[in-house]
Amino acid sequence: MFHTRSVRRVVTGHDAAGKAIFVSDEWVDPVTVALSPGSEFHLLWGGDGPPSFPDDGTRPTTTTYFPAAGGFRFGQFSVPPESARQPAEGLDLDAALAEFDAKLPGLAGHMEPDAPGMHTTSTIDFEVVLDGEVWLELDDGEEVHLQPGDCVVQNGTRHAWRNHGDVTARLAVILIGAHHANVNPPT
């Protein structure tokens, strides 16, 4: 059975005198959705415009999973083994899609219904494998096998994350919104 994992997020800021302080230290629970069992999404930080310093440690408001040009996101996500990714039998698909869109706004709109897992975004992504093993698949089905410590710079390419192993893979990700001639901006 898959158990969710919270991530500790420590945020710094400044007091009224400009001294550096710790403004929050908390555990962030993952976003999980019935449509993708075993997957977790930790939305740790982000903004829909150029970064600024929130001295009180308040996480900037974001409206979509992927940032528009000039926006940014920081988080983690997990890729469960393929054997664990099947939605439960009898799942109410309409309700599951509504839950997916409510918890991860705009993400489903980037996914290709005819090619499960494949998606393209108008972002530059920096990923680091933290745990497990994962395979990054591109357009032509070519895959690269990634292990803990391996890094990826994803430049708005069509791709999917696959886990051919038997343990969940976890990755840290920074997404930077960019202009992409072939991808519509998030809505």
C-alpha atoms as a PDB file:
ATOM      1  CA  MET A   1       0.000   0.000   0.000  1.00  0.00           C
ATOM      2  CA  PHE A   2       1.191   3.501  -0.833  1.00  0.00           C
ATOM      3  CA  HIS A   3       1.598   5.972   2.025  1.00  0.00           C
ATOM      4  CA  THR A   4       1.703   9.701   1.389  1.00  0.00           C
ATOM      5  CA  ARG A   5       4.676  11.684   2.569  1.00  0.00           C
ATOM      6  CA  SER A   6       4.649  15.256   3.853  1.00  0.00           C
ATOM      7  CA  VAL A   7       7.551  17.568   3.022  1.00  0.00           C
ATOM      8  CA  ARG A   8       9.066  20.011   5.478  1.00  0.00           C
ATOM      9  CA  ARG A   9       9.154  23.606   4.188  1.00  0.00           C
ATOM     10  CA  VAL A  10      11.264  26.172   6.049  1.00  0.00           C
ATOM     11  CA  VAL A  11      10.771  29.782   4.930  1.00  0.00           C
ATOM     12  CA  THR A  12      12.952  32.760   5.779  1.00  0.00           C
ATOM     13  CA  GLY A  13      12.065  36.448   5.744  1.00  0.00           C
ATOM     14  CA  HIS A  14      12.929  39.712   7.486  1.00  0.00           C
ATOM     15  CA  ASP A  15      11.724  41.394  10.639  1.00  0.00           C
ATOM     16  CA  ALA A  16      10.825  45.099  10.813  1.00  0.00           C
ATOM     17  CA  ALA A  17      14.503  45.981  11.340  1.00  0.00           C
ATOM     18  CA  GLY A  18      15.568  44.008   8.245  1.00  0.00           C
ATOM     19  CA  LYS A  19      17.145  41.146  10.207  1.00  0.00           C
ATOM     20  CA  ALA A  20      16.896  37.696   8.609  1.00  0.00           C
ATOM     21  CA  ILE A  21      14.477  35.452  10.491  1.00  0.00           C
ATOM     22  CA  PHE A  22      12.707  32.112  10.144  1.00  0.00           C
ATOM     23  CA  VAL A  23       9.085  32.986   9.457  1.00  0.00           C
ATOM     24  CA  SER A  24       7.649  29.500   9.080  1.00  0.00           C
ATOM     25  CA  ASP A  25       8.617  25.884   9.530  1.00  0.00           C
ATOM     26  CA  GLU A  26       5.832  23.521   8.595  1.00  0.00           C
ATOM     27  CA  TRP A  27       4.951  20.253   6.953  1.00  0.00           C
ATOM     28  CA  VAL A  28       3.227  20.419   3.575  1.00  0.00           C
ATOM     29  CA  ASP A  29       0.888  17.559   2.766  1.00  0.00           C
ATOM     30  CA  PRO A  30       0.826  16.280  -0.797  1.00  0.00           C
ATOM     31  CA  VAL A  31      -2.006  16.830  -3.221  1.00  0.00           C
ATOM     32  CA  THR A  32      -3.337  13.427  -4.264  1.00  0.00           C
ATOM     33  CA  VAL A  33      -6.028  12.595  -6.785  1.00  0.00           C
ATOM     34  CA  ALA A  34      -8.077   9.464  -7.392  1.00  0.00           C
ATOM     35  CA  LEU A  35      -7.359   9.613 -11.126  1.00  0.00           C
ATOM     36  CA  SER A  36      -3.646   8.972 -10.528  1.00  0.00           C
ATOM     37  CA  PRO A  37      -3.262   6.668  -7.519  1.00  0.00           C
ATOM     38  CA  GLY A  38       0.164   6.716  -5.920  1.00  0.00           C
ATOM     39  CA  SER A  39       1.069  10.091  -7.442  1.00  0.00           C
ATOM     40  CA  GLU A  40       1.767  13.020  -5.147  1.00  0.00           C
ATOM     41  CA  PHE A  41       2.229  16.692  -5.908  1.00  0.00           C
ATOM     42  CA  HIS A  42       3.797  18.981  -3.302  1.00  0.00           C
ATOM     43  CA  LEU A  43       3.109  22.595  -4.196  1.00  0.00           C
ATOM     44  CA  LEU A  44       5.804  24.201  -2.060  1.00  0.00           C
ATOM     45  CA  TRP A  45       6.140  27.722  -3.470  1.00  0.00           C
ATOM     46  CA  GLY A  46       5.421  29.740  -6.558  1.00  0.00           C
ATOM     47  CA  GLY A  47       4.105  32.925  -8.041  1.00  0.00           C
ATOM     48  CA  ASP A  48       2.283  34.069 -11.140  1.00  0.00           C
ATOM     49  CA  GLY A  49       4.591  37.005 -11.731  1.00  0.00           C
ATOM     50  CA  PRO A  50       8.204  37.977 -11.175  1.00  0.00           C
ATOM     51  CA  PRO A  51       9.508  36.833  -7.781  1.00  0.00           C
ATOM     52  CA  SER A  52       9.366  39.201  -4.824  1.00  0.00           C
ATOM     53  CA  PHE A  53      10.277  38.725  -1.189  1.00  0.00           C
ATOM     54  CA  PRO A  54       7.301  38.071   1.104  1.00  0.00           C
ATOM     55  CA  ASP A  55       9.016  38.960   4.374  1.00  0.00           C
ATOM     56  CA  ASP A  56       6.188  37.429   6.389  1.00  0.00           C
ATOM     57  CA  GLY A  57       6.689  34.063   4.672  1.00  0.00           C
ATOM     58  CA  THR A  58       3.261  33.984   3.037  1.00  0.00           C
ATOM     59  CA  ARG A  59       3.287  31.760  -0.016  1.00  0.00           C
ATOM     60  CA  PRO A  60       2.327  33.817  -3.084  1.00  0.00           C
ATOM     61  CA  THR A  61      -1.039  33.039  -4.645  1.00  0.00           C
ATOM     62  CA  THR A  62      -1.036  30.918  -7.788  1.00  0.00           C
ATOM     63  CA  THR A  63      -3.947  30.093 -10.060  1.00  0.00           C
ATOM     64  CA  THR A  64      -2.705  27.149 -12.141  1.00  0.00           C
ATOM     65  CA  TYR A  65      -0.351  24.217 -11.710  1.00  0.00           C
ATOM     66  CA  PHE A  66       1.981  25.457 -14.465  1.00  0.00           C
ATOM     67  CA  PRO A  67       3.109  29.094 -14.392  1.00  0.00           C
ATOM     68  CA  ALA A  68       2.583  31.570 -17.231  1.00  0.00           C
ATOM     69  CA  ALA A  69       5.588  33.400 -18.672  1.00  0.00           C
ATOM     70  CA  GLY A  70       7.285  35.265 -15.843  1.00  0.00           C
ATOM     71  CA  GLY A  71       5.810  32.999 -13.162  1.00  0.00           C
ATOM     72  CA  PHE A  72       7.520  30.190 -11.258  1.00  0.00           C
ATOM     73  CA  ARG A  73       6.789  27.104  -9.184  1.00  0.00           C
ATOM     74  CA  PHE A  74       8.808  24.983  -6.754  1.00  0.00           C
ATOM     75  CA  GLY A  75       7.665  21.573  -5.626  1.00  0.00           C
ATOM     76  CA  GLN A  76       8.035  17.849  -5.619  1.00  0.00           C
ATOM     77  CA  PHE A  77       6.140  15.115  -7.395  1.00  0.00           C
ATOM     78  CA  SER A  78       6.136  11.350  -7.303  1.00  0.00           C
ATOM     79  CA  VAL A  79       5.815   8.765 -10.033  1.00  0.00           C
ATOM     80  CA  PRO A  80       4.502   5.444  -8.719  1.00  0.00           C
ATOM     81  CA  PRO A  81       5.400   2.139 -10.400  1.00  0.00           C
ATOM     82  CA  GLU A  82       3.304   1.462 -13.495  1.00  0.00           C
ATOM     83  CA  SER A  83       1.699  -1.481 -11.704  1.00  0.00           C
ATOM     84  CA  ALA A  84       0.229   0.913  -9.093  1.00  0.00           C
ATOM     85  CA  ARG A  85      -1.057   3.643 -11.418  1.00  0.00           C
ATOM     86  CA  GLN A  86      -4.391   2.167 -12.437  1.00  0.00           C
ATOM     87  CA  PRO A  87      -7.419   4.016 -11.043  1.00  0.00           C
ATOM     88  CA  ALA A  88      -9.659   1.962  -8.773  1.00  0.00           C
ATOM     89  CA  GLU A  89     -12.380  -0.137 -10.380  1.00  0.00           C
ATOM     90  CA  GLY A  90     -15.724   1.610 -10.421  1.00  0.00           C
ATOM     91  CA  LEU A  91     -14.103   5.054 -10.193  1.00  0.00           C
ATOM     92  CA  ASP A  92     -16.563   7.826 -11.085  1.00  0.00           C
ATOM     93  CA  LEU A  93     -14.524   9.310 -13.956  1.00  0.00           C
ATOM     94  CA  ASP A  94     -16.418  12.619 -14.078  1.00  0.00           C
ATOM     95  CA  ALA A  95     -15.948  13.152 -10.335  1.00  0.00           C
ATOM     96  CA  ALA A  96     -12.276  12.115 -10.560  1.00  0.00           C
ATOM     97  CA  LEU A  97     -11.631  14.579 -13.414  1.00  0.00           C
ATOM     98  CA  ALA A  98     -13.373  17.360 -11.471  1.00  0.00           C
ATOM     99  CA  GLU A  99     -11.244  16.562  -8.393  1.00  0.00           C
ATOM    100  CA  PHE A 100      -8.070  16.533 -10.530  1.00  0.00           C
ATOM    101  CA  ASP A 101      -8.860  19.945 -12.010  1.00  0.00           C
ATOM    102  CA  ALA A 102      -9.837  21.431  -8.627  1.00  0.00           C
ATOM    103  CA  LYS A 103      -6.681  20.264  -6.851  1.00  0.00           C
ATOM    104  CA  LEU A 104      -4.234  20.724  -9.768  1.00  0.00           C
ATOM    105  CA  PRO A 105      -5.795  23.510 -11.875  1.00  0.00           C
ATOM    106  CA  GLY A 106      -4.810  23.443 -15.525  1.00  0.00           C
ATOM    107  CA  LEU A 107      -2.650  20.307 -15.335  1.00  0.00           C
ATOM    108  CA  ALA A 108      -5.179  18.028 -17.040  1.00  0.00           C
ATOM    109  CA  GLY A 109      -5.453  20.461 -19.960  1.00  0.00           C
ATOM    110  CA  HIS A 110      -1.809  19.815 -20.814  1.00  0.00           C
ATOM    111  CA  MET A 111      -2.171  16.015 -20.798  1.00  0.00           C
ATOM    112  CA  GLU A 112      -2.757  14.163 -24.065  1.00  0.00           C
ATOM    113  CA  PRO A 113      -5.815  11.886 -23.816  1.00  0.00           C
ATOM    114  CA  ASP A 114      -4.599   9.662 -26.676  1.00  0.00           C
ATOM    115  CA  ALA A 115      -1.073   9.297 -25.219  1.00  0.00           C
ATOM    116  CA  PRO A 116      -1.346   8.751 -21.439  1.00  0.00           C
ATOM    117  CA  GLY A 117       1.204  10.753 -19.497  1.00  0.00           C
ATOM    118  CA  MET A 118       2.483  12.731 -22.491  1.00  0.00           C
ATOM    119  CA  HIS A 119       2.350  16.504 -22.126  1.00  0.00           C
ATOM    120  CA  THR A 120       3.998  19.716 -23.272  1.00  0.00           C
ATOM    121  CA  THR A 121       4.162  22.913 -21.255  1.00  0.00           C
ATOM    122  CA  SER A 122       5.337  26.471 -21.836  1.00  0.00           C
ATOM    123  CA  THR A 123       7.887  26.149 -19.047  1.00  0.00           C
ATOM    124  CA  ILE A 124      11.556  25.483 -18.516  1.00  0.00           C
ATOM    125  CA  ASP A 125      11.719  22.742 -15.880  1.00  0.00           C
ATOM    126  CA  PHE A 126      14.610  21.810 -13.611  1.00  0.00           C
ATOM    127  CA  GLU A 127      14.141  18.361 -12.044  1.00  0.00           C
ATOM    128  CA  VAL A 128      16.282  16.374  -9.623  1.00  0.00           C
ATOM    129  CA  VAL A 129      15.563  12.729  -8.811  1.00  0.00           C
ATOM    130  CA  LEU A 130      15.459  12.368  -5.013  1.00  0.00           C
ATOM    131  CA  ASP A 131      14.387   8.729  -4.534  1.00  0.00           C
ATOM    132  CA  GLY A 132      13.755   5.707  -6.724  1.00  0.00           C
ATOM    133  CA  GLU A 133      14.208   5.430 -10.456  1.00  0.00           C
ATOM    134  CA  VAL A 134      12.254   7.072 -13.256  1.00  0.00           C
ATOM    135  CA  TRP A 135      12.373   7.061 -17.039  1.00  0.00           C
ATOM    136  CA  LEU A 136      11.866  10.240 -19.058  1.00  0.00           C
ATOM    137  CA  GLU A 137      10.183   9.538 -22.409  1.00  0.00           C
ATOM    138  CA  LEU A 138      10.218  11.971 -25.349  1.00  0.00           C
ATOM    139  CA  ASP A 139       8.273  12.260 -28.644  1.00  0.00           C
ATOM    140  CA  ASP A 140       9.639   9.236 -30.433  1.00  0.00           C
ATOM    141  CA  GLY A 141       9.408   6.856 -27.475  1.00  0.00           C
ATOM    142  CA  GLU A 142      13.104   7.197 -26.639  1.00  0.00           C
ATOM    143  CA  GLU A 143      13.676   7.035 -22.882  1.00  0.00           C
ATOM    144  CA  VAL A 144      16.484   7.928 -20.530  1.00  0.00           C
ATOM    145  CA  HIS A 145      16.799   6.117 -17.190  1.00  0.00           C
ATOM    146  CA  LEU A 146      17.304   8.458 -14.215  1.00  0.00           C
ATOM    147  CA  GLN A 147      18.439   7.634 -10.682  1.00  0.00           C
ATOM    148  CA  PRO A 148      18.847   9.630  -7.431  1.00  0.00           C
ATOM    149  CA  GLY A 149      20.956  12.734  -7.965  1.00  0.00           C
ATOM    150  CA  ASP A 150      20.360  12.834 -11.734  1.00  0.00           C
ATOM    151  CA  CYS A 151      19.115  16.180 -13.058  1.00  0.00           C
ATOM    152  CA  VAL A 152      17.025  17.170 -16.075  1.00  0.00           C
ATOM    153  CA  VAL A 153      16.595  20.508 -17.811  1.00  0.00           C
ATOM    154  CA  GLN A 154      13.327  20.271 -19.724  1.00  0.00           C
ATOM    155  CA  ASN A 155      12.942  22.968 -22.386  1.00  0.00           C
ATOM    156  CA  GLY A 156       9.256  22.876 -23.260  1.00  0.00           C
ATOM    157  CA  THR A 157       9.524  19.435 -24.846  1.00  0.00           C
ATOM    158  CA  ARG A 158       6.763  16.856 -25.204  1.00  0.00           C
ATOM    159  CA  HIS A 159       7.428  14.208 -22.576  1.00  0.00           C
ATOM    160  CA  ALA A 160       6.109  11.707 -20.045  1.00  0.00           C
ATOM    161  CA  TRP A 161       7.447  10.320 -16.784  1.00  0.00           C
ATOM    162  CA  ARG A 162       7.459   6.509 -16.554  1.00  0.00           C
ATOM    163  CA  ASN A 163       8.339   4.233 -13.666  1.00  0.00           C
ATOM    164  CA  HIS A 164       9.270   0.748 -14.861  1.00  0.00           C
ATOM    165  CA  GLY A 165      10.611  -0.122 -11.404  1.00  0.00           C
ATOM    166  CA  ASP A 166       8.890  -1.365  -8.282  1.00  0.00           C
ATOM    167  CA  VAL A 167       9.245   1.614  -5.892  1.00  0.00           C
ATOM    168  CA  THR A 168       7.866   5.133  -6.120  1.00  0.00           C
ATOM    169  CA  ALA A 169      10.217   7.739  -7.611  1.00  0.00           C
ATOM    170  CA  ARG A 170      10.241  11.241  -6.102  1.00  0.00           C
ATOM    171  CA  LEU A 171      11.528  14.330  -7.879  1.00  0.00           C
ATOM    172  CA  ALA A 172      12.077  17.969  -6.924  1.00  0.00           C
ATOM    173  CA  VAL A 173      11.051  20.457  -9.614  1.00  0.00           C
ATOM    174  CA  ILE A 174      11.382  24.151 -10.387  1.00  0.00           C
ATOM    175  CA  LEU A 175       9.134  25.382 -13.217  1.00  0.00           C
ATOM    176  CA  ILE A 176       9.799  28.725 -14.890  1.00  0.00           C
ATOM    177  CA  GLY A 177       7.067  30.091 -17.163  1.00  0.00           C
ATOM    178  CA  ALA A 178       8.405  30.794 -20.656  1.00  0.00           C
ATOM    179  CA  HIS A 179       7.109  31.796 -24.063  1.00  0.00           C
ATOM    180  CA  HIS A 180       6.582  28.708 -26.246  1.00  0.00           C
ATOM    181  CA  ALA A 181       5.468  29.110 -29.839  1.00  0.00           C
ATOM    182  CA  ASN A 182       3.734  25.717 -29.876  1.00  0.00           C
ATOM    183  CA  VAL A 183       1.989  25.686 -26.492  1.00  0.00           C
ATOM    184  CA  ASN A 184      -0.895  27.814 -25.311  1.00  0.00           C
ATOM    185  CA  PRO A 185      -0.237  29.640 -22.032  1.00  0.00           C
ATOM    186  CA  PRO A 186      -2.007  28.271 -18.931  1.00  0.00           C
ATOM    187  CA  THR A 187      -5.501  29.583 -18.311  1.00  0.00           C
END
